[in-house]
């Protein structure tokens, strides 16, 4: 296995896959692009896939890429494998030679790794196409970070390829490198967003009794919203309501007319999700009336929970065991983070698994979206080989 500290050369099909995958990941890491802006990334992806002899379609869902590998051993199922490509608006604080070259943009979630992994999977499976039945669809997705790029690709014909099953992965900073984690059922939460605009009556900060202070109302709402889960949801169920932004006022001695809250709601269960939406709406629309104000509440349902089917978890477990050994395949602890691959898994049976990337000895210890996020690059080939083993088990 290539050491994390080795500086891989530029990506090339002349390199061994275990070297090339690191070079690919570092190249993508140095050139991050935000959602629906992945022009360079998708261009390089398409170029590499064509060099492998695959059927390639670009511009799917704005900047997505689809490639198809047809097995030569006869008819069989269609596998869909997915990687996301977008970066985050984060200023990188790492000092690697391959750190971001773009101001205020960084691959702080591991999508550079996912793209490199799936390109390597394509390379490895092309070498085996004579023994494969059916076909493999490679989904290189834009805009996972809150923009629903998976949905855009679906709208643009992704599922016209008629996949029989779909698999995705995420390198994971909370799981030690060398491990693969997978569990059936919901593994990532639904994700919704809300805003509440409170219309009060502004005035001088020294004469508050002549105003209807929207800041005071906003403070009451923040407190109330953060008790919705603890007082409305069964203690054994999971849910989150977080107010992430409060905006009001322009100077220290003026009470403004308007205050605005913005937040997120997360849940694994659709009944819990509906309850949280209802209670947030009731609080935001009714509580301001008690102060003489009015409020406008807007709630946007974004992603459903990412739910793994048991059979496909078994497929991943068996595949990963062939790569890292049975003792290194562990259950995944579900997270209330969200993932738009759920849009695919709503329509196609499959599973989403996690490849350990944490290694404190080399500084790979920071959470996703942190400016010092990094990974143990051993995760790259582990992820690629697990994908390949899973495809072999179904198409071989």
Protein backbone atom coordinates (compact mmCIF):
# COMPACT_ATOMS: atom_id res chain seq x y z
CA UNK A 1 0.00 0.00 0.00
CA UNK A 2 1.27 3.46 -0.93
CA UNK A 3 2.23 5.62 2.03
CA UNK A 4 0.11 8.69 2.77
CA UNK A 5 3.22 10.85 2.66
CA UNK A 6 4.37 9.70 -0.78
CA UNK A 7 3.73 12.32 -3.45
CA UNK A 8 2.13 10.50 -6.35
CA UNK A 9 2.93 11.65 -9.90
CA UNK A 10 0.31 13.05 -12.25
CA UNK A 11 -2.58 10.65 -12.94
CA UNK A 12 -1.98 8.26 -15.80
CA UNK A 13 -3.23 4.90 -17.02
CA UNK A 14 0.46 3.97 -17.28
CA UNK A 15 0.62 3.96 -13.48
CA UNK A 16 -0.40 1.00 -11.35
CA UNK A 17 -3.99 1.47 -10.12
CA UNK A 18 -2.91 1.84 -6.48
CA UNK A 19 -0.61 4.72 -7.45
CA UNK A 20 -2.95 6.25 -10.01
CA UNK A 21 -5.88 6.43 -7.58
CA UNK A 22 -3.82 8.56 -5.20
CA UNK A 23 -2.67 10.79 -8.03
CA UNK A 24 -6.26 11.24 -9.17
CA UNK A 25 -7.48 12.08 -5.71
CA UNK A 26 -4.72 14.63 -5.13
CA UNK A 27 -5.30 16.25 -8.51
CA UNK A 28 -9.02 16.66 -7.79
CA UNK A 29 -8.21 17.89 -4.28
CA UNK A 30 -5.94 20.62 -5.62
CA UNK A 31 -8.64 21.82 -8.04
CA UNK A 32 -11.93 21.93 -6.12
CA UNK A 33 -15.15 23.07 -7.80
CA UNK A 34 -18.48 23.85 -6.15
CA UNK A 35 -21.83 22.30 -7.04
CA UNK A 36 -22.84 22.59 -10.71
CA UNK A 37 -19.46 24.21 -11.40
CA UNK A 38 -17.53 20.94 -11.81
CA UNK A 39 -16.41 21.70 -15.36
CA UNK A 40 -12.75 20.73 -15.00
CA UNK A 41 -13.54 17.73 -12.84
CA UNK A 42 -16.25 16.31 -15.09
CA UNK A 43 -14.10 16.99 -18.16
CA UNK A 44 -11.22 14.96 -16.75
CA UNK A 45 -13.63 12.23 -15.65
CA UNK A 46 -15.14 11.97 -19.13
CA UNK A 47 -11.70 11.99 -20.74
CA UNK A 48 -10.50 9.13 -18.54
CA UNK A 49 -13.68 7.09 -19.12
CA UNK A 50 -13.40 7.48 -22.88
CA UNK A 51 -9.76 6.42 -22.71
CA UNK A 52 -11.02 3.23 -21.07
CA UNK A 53 -13.34 2.62 -24.02
CA UNK A 54 -16.62 3.27 -22.20
CA UNK A 55 -19.79 4.84 -23.56
CA UNK A 56 -19.86 8.33 -22.04
CA UNK A 57 -22.54 10.99 -21.72
CA UNK A 58 -21.59 14.41 -20.35
CA UNK A 59 -23.70 17.30 -19.07
CA UNK A 60 -26.18 15.07 -17.23
CA UNK A 61 -27.94 17.16 -14.61
CA UNK A 62 -25.79 20.17 -15.63
CA UNK A 63 -22.26 18.83 -14.99
CA UNK A 64 -22.76 15.13 -14.27
CA UNK A 65 -21.23 12.27 -16.24
CA UNK A 66 -22.64 8.82 -16.98
CA UNK A 67 -20.55 6.00 -18.41
CA UNK A 68 -21.59 2.48 -19.35
CA UNK A 69 -19.46 -0.67 -19.33
CA UNK A 70 -21.04 -3.63 -21.13
CA UNK A 71 -19.97 -7.06 -19.99
CA UNK A 72 -19.03 -9.54 -22.68
CA UNK A 73 -20.17 -12.75 -20.95
CA UNK A 74 -23.84 -12.39 -21.83
CA UNK A 75 -26.99 -10.88 -20.39
CA UNK A 76 -27.16 -10.03 -16.72
CA UNK A 77 -28.16 -7.37 -14.22
CA UNK A 78 -27.30 -3.69 -14.45
CA UNK A 79 -25.29 -2.23 -11.58
CA UNK A 80 -25.23 1.51 -10.85
CA UNK A 81 -22.19 2.81 -8.95
CA UNK A 82 -22.05 6.41 -7.78
CA UNK A 83 -19.46 9.04 -6.84
CA UNK A 84 -20.07 12.73 -6.08
CA UNK A 85 -17.65 15.36 -7.38
CA UNK A 86 -18.37 18.73 -5.72
CA UNK A 87 -16.33 20.62 -3.14
CA UNK A 88 -17.29 23.07 -0.39
CA UNK A 89 -16.88 26.84 0.13
CA UNK A 90 -14.20 26.26 2.79
CA UNK A 91 -10.74 27.82 3.02
CA UNK A 92 -8.29 24.94 3.40
CA UNK A 93 -5.82 25.06 6.30
CA UNK A 94 -3.79 21.97 5.38
CA UNK A 95 -0.28 22.40 3.97
CA UNK A 96 0.03 19.32 1.75
CA UNK A 97 1.63 19.73 -1.64
CA UNK A 98 -1.81 18.93 -3.09
CA UNK A 99 -3.77 21.45 -1.01
CA UNK A 100 -6.46 23.50 -2.71
CA UNK A 101 -5.20 25.98 -5.28
CA UNK A 102 -8.56 27.80 -5.31
CA UNK A 103 -9.32 30.49 -2.74
CA UNK A 104 -12.19 29.66 -0.38
CA UNK A 105 -12.88 26.27 -1.98
CA UNK A 106 -11.87 22.88 -0.64
CA UNK A 107 -12.65 19.19 -0.89
CA UNK A 108 -13.51 19.08 2.81
CA UNK A 109 -15.86 16.10 2.62
CA UNK A 110 -14.00 13.49 0.57
CA UNK A 111 -15.72 13.80 -2.79
CA UNK A 112 -12.30 14.02 -4.44
CA UNK A 113 -11.66 10.55 -3.02
CA UNK A 114 -15.00 9.24 -4.25
CA UNK A 115 -14.33 10.43 -7.80
CA UNK A 116 -10.85 8.88 -7.81
CA UNK A 117 -12.23 5.63 -6.39
CA UNK A 118 -14.94 5.25 -9.01
CA UNK A 119 -12.56 6.03 -11.87
CA UNK A 120 -10.32 3.28 -10.53
CA UNK A 121 -13.28 0.90 -10.31
CA UNK A 122 -14.02 1.60 -13.96
CA UNK A 123 -10.41 0.85 -14.84
CA UNK A 124 -10.38 -2.42 -12.90
CA UNK A 125 -13.71 -3.62 -14.26
CA UNK A 126 -12.73 -2.87 -17.86
CA UNK A 127 -9.92 -5.37 -17.34
CA UNK A 128 -12.54 -7.96 -16.36
CA UNK A 129 -15.31 -7.18 -18.87
CA UNK A 130 -14.84 -10.49 -20.71
CA UNK A 131 -16.05 -12.31 -17.59
CA UNK A 132 -18.89 -9.91 -16.69
CA UNK A 133 -22.56 -10.36 -17.54
CA UNK A 134 -24.89 -7.39 -17.89
CA UNK A 135 -23.56 -3.87 -17.55
CA UNK A 136 -22.19 -1.34 -15.08
CA UNK A 137 -23.37 2.28 -15.05
CA UNK A 138 -20.94 4.76 -13.50
CA UNK A 139 -22.65 7.84 -12.04
CA UNK A 140 -20.38 10.83 -11.48
CA UNK A 141 -22.65 13.31 -9.74
CA UNK A 142 -22.43 17.07 -9.29
CA UNK A 143 -23.76 19.15 -6.43
CA UNK A 144 -24.36 16.73 -3.57
CA UNK A 145 -23.73 19.43 -0.97
CA UNK A 146 -27.27 20.71 -0.47
CA UNK A 147 -28.14 21.26 -4.13
CA UNK A 148 -29.65 17.89 -4.99
CA UNK A 149 -27.45 16.97 -7.91
CA UNK A 150 -28.67 13.37 -7.78
CA UNK A 151 -32.20 14.57 -8.44
CA UNK A 152 -31.01 16.62 -11.40
CA UNK A 153 -29.32 13.57 -12.90
CA UNK A 154 -32.47 11.51 -12.40
CA UNK A 155 -34.53 14.20 -14.13
CA UNK A 156 -32.03 14.12 -16.98
CA UNK A 157 -32.39 10.41 -17.66
CA UNK A 158 -29.99 8.66 -15.29
CA UNK A 159 -32.44 5.85 -14.57
CA UNK A 160 -33.20 5.29 -18.24
CA UNK A 161 -30.23 2.92 -17.92
CA UNK A 162 -32.63 0.70 -15.88
CA UNK A 163 -30.30 -0.30 -13.03
CA UNK A 164 -31.23 -3.40 -11.05
CA UNK A 165 -29.29 -2.26 -8.01
CA UNK A 166 -27.32 0.80 -6.89
CA UNK A 167 -24.31 1.11 -4.60
CA UNK A 168 -22.57 4.17 -3.21
CA UNK A 169 -19.85 4.88 -0.66
CA UNK A 170 -18.42 7.62 1.51
CA UNK A 171 -14.96 7.83 3.03
CA UNK A 172 -15.67 8.44 6.71
CA UNK A 173 -13.57 10.37 9.21
CA UNK A 174 -15.19 8.75 12.25
CA UNK A 175 -14.23 5.21 11.20
CA UNK A 176 -10.61 4.05 11.45
CA UNK A 177 -8.71 3.43 8.22
CA UNK A 178 -8.72 -0.23 7.28
CA UNK A 179 -12.37 -0.75 8.28
CA UNK A 180 -15.54 -0.85 6.18
CA UNK A 181 -18.86 -0.04 7.87
CA UNK A 182 -22.36 -0.91 6.66
CA UNK A 183 -25.77 -1.36 8.29
CA UNK A 184 -29.27 -2.05 7.04
CA UNK A 185 -32.12 0.41 7.48
CA UNK A 186 -31.75 4.20 7.66
CA UNK A 187 -28.07 5.18 7.85
CA UNK A 188 -28.37 8.89 7.05
CA UNK A 189 -31.23 11.22 7.85
CA UNK A 190 -33.76 13.17 5.86
CA UNK A 191 -32.80 16.83 5.53
CA UNK A 192 -35.22 19.74 5.38
CA UNK A 193 -34.76 23.50 5.64
CA UNK A 194 -36.98 26.23 7.04
CA UNK A 195 -37.09 30.01 7.34
CA UNK A 196 -39.23 32.15 9.61
CA UNK A 197 -39.57 35.87 8.93
CA UNK A 198 -40.95 37.82 11.90
CA UNK A 199 -42.63 41.15 11.14
CA UNK A 200 -42.59 43.43 14.15
CA UNK A 201 -42.54 47.20 14.61
CA UNK A 202 -39.21 48.94 14.83
CA UNK A 203 -38.18 51.95 16.81
CA UNK A 204 -35.60 53.51 19.09
CA UNK A 205 -33.69 51.14 21.33
CA UNK A 206 -34.34 53.45 24.28
CA UNK A 207 -38.13 53.34 23.79
CA UNK A 208 -38.88 49.61 23.45
CA UNK A 209 -42.45 49.92 24.79
CA UNK A 210 -43.43 51.70 21.57
CA UNK A 211 -42.15 48.83 19.42
CA UNK A 212 -42.89 45.19 18.75
CA UNK A 213 -39.39 43.82 19.05
CA UNK A 214 -38.78 40.98 16.53
CA UNK A 215 -35.42 40.16 18.15
CA UNK A 216 -37.08 39.27 21.45
CA UNK A 217 -39.58 37.11 19.56
CA UNK A 218 -36.77 35.45 17.61
CA UNK A 219 -35.02 34.62 20.88
CA UNK A 220 -38.20 33.00 22.19
CA UNK A 221 -38.56 31.03 18.98
CA UNK A 222 -34.98 29.75 19.05
CA UNK A 223 -35.56 28.46 22.57
CA UNK A 224 -38.90 26.92 21.63
CA UNK A 225 -37.69 25.27 18.44
CA UNK A 226 -34.81 23.65 20.25
CA UNK A 227 -37.27 21.92 22.61
CA UNK A 228 -39.43 20.47 19.81
CA UNK A 229 -37.50 17.18 19.74
CA UNK A 230 -37.25 16.72 23.50
CA UNK A 231 -40.94 17.46 24.10
CA UNK A 232 -42.65 16.09 20.99
CA UNK A 233 -40.64 13.06 19.85
CA UNK A 234 -40.39 9.70 21.64
CA UNK A 235 -37.05 9.53 23.49
CA UNK A 236 -36.07 6.39 21.56
CA UNK A 237 -36.61 8.11 18.20
CA UNK A 238 -34.04 10.34 16.53
CA UNK A 239 -34.58 13.88 15.32
CA UNK A 240 -32.86 17.24 15.17
CA UNK A 241 -34.10 20.81 14.89
CA UNK A 242 -31.28 23.34 14.62
CA UNK A 243 -31.52 27.09 14.06
CA UNK A 244 -28.34 27.90 12.20
CA UNK A 245 -28.85 31.55 11.32
CA UNK A 246 -30.52 34.54 12.98
CA UNK A 247 -30.54 37.86 11.15
CA UNK A 248 -31.87 41.14 12.50
CA UNK A 249 -31.00 44.79 12.90
CA UNK A 250 -28.35 47.12 11.56
CA UNK A 251 -27.01 49.01 14.57
CA UNK A 252 -26.84 48.86 18.37
CA UNK A 253 -29.58 51.33 19.35
CA UNK A 254 -32.34 50.60 16.85
CA UNK A 255 -35.01 47.94 17.22
CA UNK A 256 -35.62 46.60 13.69
CA UNK A 257 -38.91 45.86 11.98
CA UNK A 258 -37.90 42.35 10.91
CA UNK A 259 -35.95 39.35 12.17
CA UNK A 260 -35.34 36.10 10.31
CA UNK A 261 -34.47 32.61 11.45
CA UNK A 262 -33.15 29.82 9.26
CA UNK A 263 -32.62 26.23 10.27
CA UNK A 264 -32.61 22.53 9.44
CA UNK A 265 -34.72 19.54 10.46
CA UNK A 266 -33.38 15.95 10.41
CA UNK A 267 -35.06 12.58 11.02
CA UNK A 268 -34.77 8.90 10.09
CA UNK A 269 -38.50 8.17 10.21
CA UNK A 270 -41.16 9.82 8.02
CA UNK A 271 -43.65 10.05 10.90
CA UNK A 272 -41.07 11.83 13.05
CA UNK A 273 -40.22 14.07 10.11
CA UNK A 274 -43.87 15.07 9.69
CA UNK A 275 -44.26 15.78 13.42
CA UNK A 276 -41.18 18.00 13.46
CA UNK A 277 -42.40 19.95 10.44
CA UNK A 278 -45.84 20.45 11.99
CA UNK A 279 -44.52 21.60 15.37
CA UNK A 280 -41.98 23.97 13.84
CA UNK A 281 -44.71 25.50 11.70
CA UNK A 282 -47.08 25.91 14.66
CA UNK A 283 -44.44 27.58 16.81
CA UNK A 284 -43.21 29.92 14.11
CA UNK A 285 -46.66 30.99 12.96
CA UNK A 286 -48.44 31.21 16.34
CA UNK A 287 -45.88 32.31 18.94
CA UNK A 288 -45.22 35.73 17.33
CA UNK A 289 -48.95 36.52 17.57
CA UNK A 290 -48.68 36.49 21.36
CA UNK A 291 -46.30 39.46 21.05
CA UNK A 292 -48.44 41.33 18.53
CA UNK A 293 -46.26 40.41 15.57
CA UNK A 294 -46.86 38.32 12.47
CA UNK A 295 -44.64 35.70 10.90
CA UNK A 296 -44.17 33.98 7.57
CA UNK A 297 -42.93 30.38 7.74
CA UNK A 298 -41.46 28.49 4.81
CA UNK A 299 -40.51 24.81 4.97
CA UNK A 300 -38.67 22.96 2.21
CA UNK A 301 -38.43 19.18 2.13
CA UNK A 302 -35.08 18.32 0.55
CA UNK A 303 -33.73 14.77 0.96
CA UNK A 304 -35.40 11.67 2.37
CA UNK A 305 -33.47 9.35 4.67
CA UNK A 306 -30.87 7.10 3.05
CA UNK A 307 -32.15 3.57 3.64
CA UNK A 308 -30.15 0.39 3.00
CA UNK A 309 -31.84 -2.89 2.12
CA UNK A 310 -30.60 -5.95 4.06
CA UNK A 311 -29.70 -8.06 0.99
CA UNK A 312 -27.45 -5.38 -0.45
CA UNK A 313 -25.79 -4.85 2.92
CA UNK A 314 -24.97 -8.55 2.87
CA UNK A 315 -23.47 -8.12 -0.60
CA UNK A 316 -21.28 -5.26 0.67
CA UNK A 317 -20.26 -7.17 3.78
CA UNK A 318 -19.15 -10.15 1.72
CA UNK A 319 -17.33 -7.93 -0.77
CA UNK A 320 -15.55 -5.94 1.95
CA UNK A 321 -14.61 -9.13 3.81
CA UNK A 322 -12.74 -10.25 0.69
CA UNK A 323 -10.80 -6.96 0.79
CA UNK A 324 -10.13 -6.20 4.47
CA UNK A 325 -11.14 -9.43 6.22
CA UNK A 326 -14.32 -10.26 8.09
CA UNK A 327 -13.02 -8.83 11.37
CA UNK A 328 -12.62 -5.42 9.73
CA UNK A 329 -16.22 -5.15 8.50
CA UNK A 330 -18.27 -3.41 11.18
CA UNK A 331 -21.78 -2.00 11.68
CA UNK A 332 -22.23 1.66 10.83
CA UNK A 333 -23.63 3.97 13.49
CA UNK A 334 -26.34 5.99 11.69
CA UNK A 335 -25.74 9.72 11.40
CA UNK A 336 -28.20 12.59 11.16
CA UNK A 337 -26.14 13.96 8.33
CA UNK A 338 -27.92 13.67 4.98
CA UNK A 339 -27.08 12.35 1.53
CA UNK A 340 -28.88 12.89 -1.78
CA UNK A 341 -28.01 9.36 -2.94
CA UNK A 342 -31.24 8.69 -1.05
CA UNK A 343 -33.00 9.90 -4.21
CA UNK A 344 -31.50 6.95 -6.08
CA UNK A 345 -32.18 4.43 -3.32
CA UNK A 346 -35.84 5.53 -3.22
CA UNK A 347 -36.15 4.18 -6.76
CA UNK A 348 -33.51 1.44 -7.01
CA UNK A 349 -32.70 -1.25 -4.41
CA UNK A 350 -29.20 -1.01 -3.00
CA UNK A 351 -26.98 0.18 -0.19
CA UNK A 352 -24.64 2.96 0.87
CA UNK A 353 -21.50 2.02 2.80
CA UNK A 354 -18.65 3.79 4.56
CA UNK A 355 -14.90 3.33 4.21
CA UNK A 356 -12.77 4.23 7.21
CA UNK A 357 -10.41 7.15 6.59
CA UNK A 358 -9.37 8.17 10.09
CA UNK A 359 -5.73 7.94 11.19
CA UNK A 360 -4.71 10.35 13.94
CA UNK A 361 -1.01 9.54 13.51
CA UNK A 362 -0.99 11.32 10.13
CA UNK A 363 -3.42 14.09 11.05
CA UNK A 364 -6.48 12.49 9.45
CA UNK A 365 -8.63 13.20 12.49
CA UNK A 366 -10.80 16.20 11.65
CA UNK A 367 -14.53 15.95 10.88
CA UNK A 368 -16.06 16.37 7.47
CA UNK A 369 -16.40 20.04 6.37
CA UNK A 370 -13.49 21.08 8.63
CA UNK A 371 -10.75 23.22 7.00
CA UNK A 372 -8.17 20.61 8.07
CA UNK A 373 -10.15 17.59 6.88
CA UNK A 374 -7.97 14.88 5.38
CA UNK A 375 -8.01 11.13 4.87
CA UNK A 376 -5.75 8.13 5.16
CA UNK A 377 -5.36 7.31 1.48
CA UNK A 378 -5.44 3.57 2.17
CA UNK A 379 -9.21 4.12 2.01
CA UNK A 380 -8.98 4.70 -1.75
CA UNK A 381 -8.08 1.19 -2.85
CA UNK A 382 -10.20 -0.37 -0.11
CA UNK A 383 -13.21 1.49 -1.45
CA UNK A 384 -12.38 0.65 -5.06
CA UNK A 385 -11.77 -3.04 -4.38
CA UNK A 386 -14.98 -3.34 -2.34
CA UNK A 387 -16.96 -1.92 -5.26
CA UNK A 388 -15.25 -4.34 -7.65
CA UNK A 389 -15.88 -7.35 -5.41
CA UNK A 390 -19.55 -6.42 -5.09
CA UNK A 391 -19.95 -6.12 -8.86
CA UNK A 392 -18.12 -9.42 -9.41
CA UNK A 393 -20.48 -11.17 -7.03
CA UNK A 394 -23.51 -10.03 -9.04
CA UNK A 395 -22.23 -9.86 -12.63
CA UNK A 396 -19.38 -12.36 -12.57
